[in-house]
């Protein structure tokens, strides 16, 4: 807790430098603006609101639950042409096709997931599973992710996420596929299933748990209050969850996100995303080395206005964190599960 050391991340096959004493240093750097507290419930200029006109001229329906539509500015398109052949191995390119969708969680702009009801969060989970099934029939990777807050690049104050399906396995997916496959081959058990069992027993990095799920600050966490959401049983994909597991997932997500908001009494920014076994042609292959999980990467370090910067050493050498995962977990664990609002 007091002396620097490095920790191994078996999921990414890399290391993180833990320097807990650095959190005591004085801060005279950049201060972030706290998120606005006066977001209007409905704004005709917000392209995610029911009945609003989007940039392409389409008008949203007056939806009352979740709403999914094609991203008006997609990073991936299904009919992109293939690049020309390379004339040198140092100048390689490969085809990249896909689709990008946006999913609104709720019609009200002034809500976030921790302020939604359990049935409303369950509806979001159902929509995630449906999209994974639909897009995964054609594409090997379906990335569901939420960027919450302007600090994490969210351009519209409205509860929503994005879903990008690609014709290729992205870097993080390829890396996790390799490390999980190696672990199963060497140890005979899926890595994250074994890890969840270990963390449930040790409890020092546990944040919240229920019968089906647990949330931990992983031993190898990079971001200050990073968490990992894990099922207790072996599950490869989001669409493989049972009805009761989806209900308990809604509950544990709400509990975690309330704690996040209560940490600095602010709508807590983060990027989160689901990782599960590849789909498409991989549906016919043995993917038993995979274990479904969700990553939460929040940037805040000391307060609602002081964030962790990944610069200098982190960009040029390796990741470094300023408090131990055990300290972060203890602080999150001790927070109330009633929202500060």
Foldseek 3Di string as FASTA:
>chain_A
DQAWDWDADLLQRDIAIEHQNVVPDDDPDFWADFDDQCDFFADLCFQVAAQHADPVRDGHHNDAAKDKDFDPDDPAAAPDDFDDQDPDPVDDDGDKHWTKMKMALGNTLNDELLRDDLVSLLVVLVVVLVVCVVLLQAAFDKKKKAWDDVVSPDPGSGHMIMIIGMNDQDPSQVSSLVSLVVCCVVPVAQPVLVVVVVCVVVVLQWQDDDPFKTKGCDQRHQAQQKIKIFTNDADADSNPDDPVNSSVVSVVVSQLQLLQCQLQVGNFTWMKIKDGGTGHVCVPPDSSSTGIMMIIHTFCDDHSTHGDDCDDCCVPPNGYDHRGSSVSSVSSNPGDSPHPD
